Amino acid sequence: MGMDSESLVAEVLAGKRRAMSRAITLVESSREDHRAEAVSMLEGLAPAAGNSIRIGISGVPGVGKSTFIEAIGNHIADQGHRVAVLAVDPSSAITGGSILGDKTRMETLSRRDDVFIRPSPTGGTLGGVTRRTRESMLICEAAGFDVVLVETVGVGQSETAVADMTDMFLLMLLPGAGDELQGIKRGIMELADMIIVNKADGDLAVTARHSASDYLSALKLLHPRTRNWQVPVKTCSALEGLGVDEIWNTVEEYRATITSSGELAERRSLQARTWMWSEISESLITALRSDPVASDRIELLEQAVIEGRLPPTLAASELIDIFLRK
């Protein structure tokens, strides 16, 4: 990477943005030598990390996540905070490429010295968050960024993944609750620590208020994810900046609540355990695919499963057995 891990740690701790970008590129690399460097670097950064509020943001396509992140990011930075945005873009299932357009959509936010934006492709990772999002978050915290916003690809399995790595989960929805409530899974609603109805402006202002009321009624039937916290429903217009200050005030109230109750410490411990098992799972799959003995059989077994000549369970068992007996 052109810099030893010790020097990179020092520059990240000094808050140098180019060093942060190099560090994140290093942890995202799949090369074995880079992985060893990344582990060494993360060990050096870990003691300085963990002092941010980690916020996950998701919502249906077209809800205005990027516009909202730009609006609230500017507001938070104006309050004296340093904001990191990890915007995870969907990788192409065909080419593996990614548009990575979030940085261009957050034009005013990306020009600020107290804001760091890092778009990263998912690389096909299950859950819509890149495999190294947790490590990127640690790098941002070690560099002194005290608010980390993680934007997920959209509604789906990404919610569970981002909820496992953040302190607060914001679910953004559009005005017009009637039809949308039918399509929102109970589990996704139960993950939310705050629901935001965006685009509450112009002709949609009244509709947004009605939608917020409907969502609030629906929440009464669900168990909140966080103890001692009633999930609020807020309306805002990210485009016009309306309601953004109230949302940030609610975030601060939430953080104070879970800190005083001890739930923040509990959640961070669970995050660390989940991170460990996620890394074990991903590393084992990587090792299996790259193993020369097992890789000779992977294509044959896959083809047998596709053609219906072999049950998937039996193929998986055979492949694992080959890998373990190598």
Protein backbone atom coordinates (compact mmCIF):
# COMPACT_ATOMS: atom_id res chain seq x y z
CA MET A 1 0.00 0.00 0.00
CA GLY A 2 3.06 2.26 -0.10
CA MET A 3 3.15 2.81 3.69
CA ASP A 4 3.88 0.48 6.62
CA SER A 5 1.04 -0.16 9.04
CA GLU A 6 2.73 1.70 11.91
CA SER A 7 3.02 4.91 9.87
CA LEU A 8 -0.53 4.48 8.61
CA VAL A 9 -1.83 4.12 12.17
CA ALA A 10 -0.06 7.34 13.19
CA GLU A 11 -1.54 9.28 10.27
CA VAL A 12 -5.05 7.93 10.81
CA LEU A 13 -4.84 8.84 14.51
CA ALA A 14 -3.83 12.34 13.40
CA GLY A 15 -7.08 12.50 11.42
CA LYS A 16 -5.46 12.72 7.98
CA ARG A 17 -8.13 12.00 5.40
CA ARG A 18 -5.84 10.53 2.73
CA ALA A 19 -4.51 8.10 5.31
CA MET A 20 -8.11 7.15 6.21
CA SER A 21 -8.84 6.42 2.57
CA ARG A 22 -5.69 4.30 2.27
CA ALA A 23 -6.58 2.46 5.48
CA ILE A 24 -10.09 1.63 4.26
CA THR A 25 -8.72 0.53 0.88
CA LEU A 26 -6.33 -1.74 2.78
CA VAL A 27 -9.07 -3.42 4.84
CA GLU A 28 -11.22 -3.84 1.73
CA SER A 29 -8.43 -5.61 -0.15
CA SER A 30 -8.76 -9.37 -0.58
CA ARG A 31 -5.01 -9.94 -0.98
CA GLU A 32 -3.53 -12.08 1.80
CA ASP A 33 -0.51 -9.80 2.37
CA HIS A 34 -2.83 -6.77 2.61
CA ARG A 35 -5.04 -8.66 5.07
CA ALA A 36 -2.07 -9.23 7.38
CA GLU A 37 -1.20 -5.52 7.21
CA ALA A 38 -4.84 -4.61 7.87
CA VAL A 39 -5.03 -6.77 11.00
CA SER A 40 -1.85 -5.17 12.35
CA MET A 41 -3.19 -1.70 11.59
CA LEU A 42 -6.57 -2.37 13.22
CA GLU A 43 -4.83 -3.58 16.39
CA GLY A 44 -3.06 -0.24 16.56
CA LEU A 45 -6.25 1.76 15.96
CA ALA A 46 -8.65 -0.20 18.21
CA PRO A 47 -7.79 1.56 21.51
CA ALA A 48 -8.73 4.94 19.98
CA ALA A 49 -12.03 3.72 18.50
CA GLY A 50 -15.50 3.32 19.95
CA ASN A 51 -16.21 6.92 20.93
CA SER A 52 -18.79 7.73 18.26
CA ILE A 53 -22.53 7.35 17.95
CA ARG A 54 -23.10 4.78 15.22
CA ILE A 55 -26.28 5.37 13.24
CA GLY A 56 -27.69 3.09 10.57
CA ILE A 57 -29.98 4.62 7.96
CA SER A 58 -32.16 2.67 5.55
CA GLY A 59 -35.38 2.97 3.66
CA VAL A 60 -37.27 2.13 0.53
CA PRO A 61 -35.75 3.16 -2.83
CA GLY A 62 -36.60 6.77 -3.69
CA VAL A 63 -37.20 7.81 -0.08
CA GLY A 64 -34.35 10.31 -0.25
CA LYS A 65 -31.68 8.74 1.96
CA SER A 66 -28.77 10.59 0.36
CA THR A 67 -30.60 13.93 0.51
CA PHE A 68 -31.43 13.29 4.17
CA ILE A 69 -27.85 12.32 5.01
CA GLU A 70 -26.57 15.49 3.39
CA ALA A 71 -29.09 17.62 5.32
CA ILE A 72 -28.51 16.02 8.72
CA GLY A 73 -24.76 15.68 8.09
CA ASN A 74 -24.44 19.42 7.53
CA HIS A 75 -26.58 20.10 10.61
CA ILE A 76 -24.51 17.77 12.82
CA ALA A 77 -21.23 19.24 11.56
CA ASP A 78 -22.55 22.73 12.24
CA GLN A 79 -23.00 21.64 15.87
CA GLY A 80 -19.25 21.01 16.09
CA HIS A 81 -19.21 17.27 15.41
CA ARG A 82 -17.03 15.42 12.92
CA VAL A 83 -19.15 13.23 10.69
CA ALA A 84 -18.20 10.11 8.75
CA VAL A 85 -20.58 8.70 6.14
CA LEU A 86 -20.16 5.12 4.97
CA ALA A 87 -22.46 4.90 1.97
CA VAL A 88 -22.74 1.34 0.72
CA ASP A 89 -23.60 1.10 -2.99
CA PRO A 90 -24.98 -2.06 -4.60
CA SER A 91 -22.48 -3.95 -6.73
CA SER A 92 -23.62 -5.21 -10.09
CA ALA A 93 -24.61 -8.87 -9.91
CA ILE A 94 -23.37 -9.26 -13.49
CA THR A 95 -20.13 -7.29 -13.70
CA GLY A 96 -19.34 -6.75 -10.03
CA GLY A 97 -19.09 -3.02 -10.71
CA SER A 98 -20.68 -0.29 -8.64
CA ILE A 99 -21.99 3.13 -9.56
CA LEU A 100 -20.70 4.71 -6.33
CA GLY A 101 -22.81 7.79 -6.86
CA ASP A 102 -23.47 8.83 -3.25
CA LYS A 103 -20.46 11.13 -3.00
CA THR A 104 -21.64 13.10 -6.01
CA ARG A 105 -25.20 13.24 -4.65
CA MET A 106 -23.92 14.72 -1.36
CA GLU A 107 -22.22 17.61 -3.06
CA THR A 108 -22.20 20.23 -0.26
CA LEU A 109 -21.44 17.69 2.45
CA SER A 110 -18.47 16.22 0.58
CA ARG A 111 -16.76 19.64 0.44
CA ARG A 112 -16.57 20.01 4.22
CA ASP A 113 -13.30 19.43 6.08
CA ASP A 114 -15.16 18.05 9.13
CA VAL A 115 -16.95 15.40 7.05
CA PHE A 116 -15.55 12.20 5.54
CA ILE A 117 -17.58 10.29 2.95
CA ARG A 118 -16.60 6.84 1.79
CA PRO A 119 -18.72 5.05 -0.81
CA SER A 120 -18.03 1.32 -0.92
CA PRO A 121 -19.46 -1.43 -3.13
CA THR A 122 -21.11 -4.35 -1.35
CA GLY A 123 -19.18 -6.78 -3.51
CA GLY A 124 -22.16 -9.11 -3.38
CA THR A 125 -21.97 -9.40 0.41
CA LEU A 126 -25.15 -10.75 1.95
CA GLY A 127 -27.06 -8.09 3.82
CA GLY A 128 -26.22 -5.10 1.64
CA VAL A 129 -23.38 -3.83 3.77
CA THR A 130 -19.83 -4.38 2.64
CA ARG A 131 -17.92 -7.05 4.58
CA ARG A 132 -15.48 -4.44 5.86
CA THR A 133 -18.01 -1.80 6.96
CA ARG A 134 -17.27 -2.53 10.63
CA GLU A 135 -13.55 -2.06 10.10
CA SER A 136 -14.13 1.14 8.13
CA MET A 137 -16.24 2.39 11.02
CA LEU A 138 -13.41 1.65 13.46
CA ILE A 139 -10.95 3.58 11.25
CA CYS A 140 -13.26 6.63 11.17
CA GLU A 141 -13.67 6.57 14.96
CA ALA A 142 -9.92 6.27 15.53
CA ALA A 143 -9.44 9.31 13.27
CA GLY A 144 -11.65 11.38 15.59
CA PHE A 145 -15.01 11.27 13.83
CA ASP A 146 -17.62 11.13 16.59
CA VAL A 147 -20.72 10.54 14.44
CA VAL A 148 -20.74 7.64 11.95
CA LEU A 149 -23.65 7.30 9.53
CA VAL A 150 -24.01 3.98 7.70
CA GLU A 151 -26.36 4.07 4.73
CA THR A 152 -27.59 0.69 3.54
CA VAL A 153 -28.60 -0.39 0.06
CA GLY A 154 -32.32 -0.60 0.78
CA VAL A 155 -35.06 -2.49 2.56
CA GLY A 156 -34.32 -6.20 3.01
CA GLN A 157 -31.65 -8.21 4.79
CA SER A 158 -29.48 -5.10 5.01
CA GLU A 159 -31.54 -3.93 7.99
CA THR A 160 -30.51 -6.85 10.20
CA ALA A 161 -26.87 -6.46 9.16
CA VAL A 162 -26.72 -2.75 9.90
CA ALA A 163 -28.67 -3.11 13.15
CA ASP A 164 -25.99 -5.54 14.35
CA MET A 165 -23.23 -2.98 13.90
CA THR A 166 -24.84 0.33 14.93
CA ASP A 167 -26.22 1.93 18.09
CA MET A 168 -29.34 3.42 16.50
CA PHE A 169 -31.30 2.40 13.45
CA LEU A 170 -33.33 4.94 11.47
CA LEU A 171 -35.96 3.69 9.04
CA MET A 172 -37.03 6.20 6.39
CA LEU A 173 -40.46 5.91 4.78
CA LEU A 174 -42.48 7.84 2.22
CA PRO A 175 -45.79 9.65 2.80
CA GLY A 176 -48.79 7.47 2.04
CA ALA A 177 -48.74 4.90 4.83
CA GLY A 178 -51.81 2.91 3.77
CA ASP A 179 -50.30 0.95 0.91
CA GLU A 180 -46.74 1.01 2.23
CA LEU A 181 -47.63 -0.52 5.59
CA GLN A 182 -48.85 -3.60 3.77
CA GLY A 183 -45.44 -4.13 2.19
CA ILE A 184 -43.29 -3.48 5.26
CA LYS A 185 -42.31 -6.59 7.15
CA ARG A 186 -42.94 -6.66 10.87
CA GLY A 187 -39.28 -7.52 11.52
CA ILE A 188 -38.04 -4.40 9.77
CA MET A 189 -40.37 -2.16 11.77
CA GLU A 190 -39.20 -3.83 14.98
CA LEU A 191 -35.58 -3.00 14.20
CA ALA A 192 -36.25 0.74 14.03
CA ASP A 193 -35.25 3.06 16.87
CA MET A 194 -36.81 5.98 15.00
CA ILE A 195 -39.06 6.19 11.94
CA ILE A 196 -38.74 9.19 9.65
CA VAL A 197 -41.37 10.15 7.10
CA ASN A 198 -39.46 12.16 4.50
CA LYS A 199 -40.69 14.51 1.76
CA ALA A 200 -43.08 16.24 4.17
CA ASP A 201 -43.33 19.38 2.06
CA GLY A 202 -45.63 21.01 -0.49
CA ASP A 203 -48.66 18.93 -1.40
CA LEU A 204 -47.31 15.97 0.58
CA ALA A 205 -47.03 17.80 3.93
CA VAL A 206 -50.51 16.85 5.12
CA THR A 207 -50.17 13.28 3.76
CA ALA A 208 -46.87 12.92 5.63
CA ARG A 209 -48.48 13.91 8.93
CA HIS A 210 -51.27 11.38 8.41
CA SER A 211 -48.72 8.71 7.49
CA ALA A 212 -46.72 9.45 10.63
CA SER A 213 -49.87 8.98 12.70
CA ASP A 214 -50.56 5.64 10.98
CA TYR A 215 -47.01 4.42 11.55
CA LEU A 216 -47.22 5.45 15.21
CA SER A 217 -50.40 3.42 15.61
CA ALA A 218 -48.74 0.40 13.95
CA LEU A 219 -45.77 0.65 16.34
CA LYS A 220 -48.08 0.16 19.32
CA LEU A 221 -48.54 -3.44 18.18
CA LEU A 222 -44.77 -4.10 18.17
CA HIS A 223 -42.11 -4.53 20.84
CA PRO A 224 -39.42 -1.83 20.70
CA ARG A 225 -35.87 -3.07 20.13
CA THR A 226 -34.44 -0.82 22.83
CA ARG A 227 -35.42 -0.91 26.49
CA ASN A 228 -36.79 2.29 28.07
CA TRP A 229 -37.38 3.80 24.63
CA GLN A 230 -40.62 4.45 22.81
CA VAL A 231 -39.91 4.55 19.08
CA PRO A 232 -40.78 8.04 17.80
CA VAL A 233 -42.11 8.86 14.33
CA LYS A 234 -40.85 12.13 12.88
CA THR A 235 -41.66 13.98 9.68
CA CYS A 236 -39.11 15.96 7.74
CA SER A 237 -38.27 17.48 4.40
CA ALA A 238 -34.64 16.70 3.75
CA LEU A 239 -34.80 18.78 0.57
CA GLU A 240 -35.89 21.90 2.47
CA GLY A 241 -34.15 21.06 5.74
CA LEU A 242 -37.39 20.99 7.73
CA GLY A 243 -37.47 18.85 10.87
CA VAL A 244 -33.81 17.83 10.63
CA ASP A 245 -32.85 19.62 13.86
CA GLU A 246 -35.62 17.85 15.77
CA ILE A 247 -34.45 14.48 14.46
CA TRP A 248 -30.88 15.15 15.62
CA ASN A 249 -32.17 16.26 19.05
CA THR A 250 -34.00 12.92 19.28
CA VAL A 251 -30.81 11.06 18.38
CA GLU A 252 -29.00 12.82 21.22
CA GLU A 253 -31.84 12.03 23.61
CA TYR A 254 -31.70 8.38 22.54
CA ARG A 255 -27.94 8.19 23.10
CA ALA A 256 -28.28 9.69 26.58
CA THR A 257 -31.02 7.17 27.40
CA ILE A 258 -29.13 4.04 26.34
CA THR A 259 -25.87 5.28 27.88
CA SER A 260 -27.40 5.90 31.30
CA SER A 261 -29.26 2.57 31.25
CA GLY A 262 -26.12 0.63 30.35
CA GLU A 263 -27.67 -0.67 27.13
CA LEU A 264 -25.08 1.06 24.93
CA ALA A 265 -22.28 -0.93 26.59
CA GLU A 266 -24.32 -4.14 26.23
CA ARG A 267 -25.02 -3.45 22.58
CA ARG A 268 -21.37 -2.74 21.82
CA SER A 269 -20.40 -6.06 23.44
CA LEU A 270 -22.95 -7.89 21.29
CA GLN A 271 -21.68 -6.02 18.21
CA ALA A 272 -18.15 -7.25 18.93
CA ARG A 273 -19.34 -10.85 19.28
CA THR A 274 -21.39 -10.65 16.08
CA TRP A 275 -18.39 -9.13 14.28
CA MET A 276 -16.18 -12.02 15.43
CA TRP A 277 -18.57 -14.71 14.15
CA SER A 278 -19.22 -12.84 10.93
CA GLU A 279 -15.47 -12.67 10.32
CA ILE A 280 -15.10 -16.40 11.10
CA SER A 281 -17.87 -17.25 8.64
CA GLU A 282 -16.51 -15.04 5.85
CA SER A 283 -12.93 -16.19 6.41
CA LEU A 284 -13.87 -19.87 6.31
CA ILE A 285 -15.77 -19.41 3.04
CA THR A 286 -12.81 -17.51 1.56
CA ALA A 287 -10.40 -20.23 2.69
CA LEU A 288 -12.66 -22.93 1.27
CA ARG A 289 -12.95 -21.27 -2.14
CA SER A 290 -9.21 -20.62 -2.38
CA ASP A 291 -8.15 -24.08 -1.19
CA PRO A 292 -6.56 -25.89 -4.19
CA VAL A 293 -7.90 -29.32 -3.21
CA ALA A 294 -11.47 -28.17 -2.54
CA SER A 295 -11.58 -25.79 -5.51
CA ASP A 296 -11.08 -28.72 -7.90
CA ARG A 297 -14.38 -30.15 -6.72
CA ILE A 298 -16.41 -26.95 -6.33
CA GLU A 299 -17.32 -26.57 -10.02
CA LEU A 300 -18.21 -30.26 -10.40
CA LEU A 301 -20.40 -30.25 -7.30
CA GLU A 302 -22.08 -26.99 -8.31
CA GLN A 303 -22.91 -28.46 -11.71
CA ALA A 304 -24.29 -31.62 -10.14
CA VAL A 305 -26.55 -29.54 -7.90
CA ILE A 306 -27.72 -27.36 -10.84
CA GLU A 307 -28.60 -30.44 -12.88
CA GLY A 308 -30.42 -32.04 -9.96
CA ARG A 309 -28.03 -35.01 -9.75
CA LEU A 310 -26.99 -34.19 -6.20
CA PRO A 311 -28.90 -32.62 -3.28
CA PRO A 312 -27.36 -29.28 -2.13
CA THR A 313 -27.00 -30.60 1.43
CA LEU A 314 -24.99 -33.61 0.29
CA ALA A 315 -22.81 -31.48 -2.00
CA ALA A 316 -22.07 -29.05 0.82
CA SER A 317 -21.25 -31.91 3.20
CA GLU A 318 -18.87 -33.48 0.67
CA LEU A 319 -17.10 -30.18 0.01
CA ILE A 320 -16.65 -29.44 3.69
CA ASP A 321 -15.37 -32.96 4.28
CA ILE A 322 -12.79 -32.54 1.47
CA PHE A 323 -11.67 -29.21 2.96
CA LEU A 324 -11.34 -30.60 6.49
CA ARG A 325 -9.48 -33.73 5.38
CA LYS A 326 -7.07 -31.98 3.01
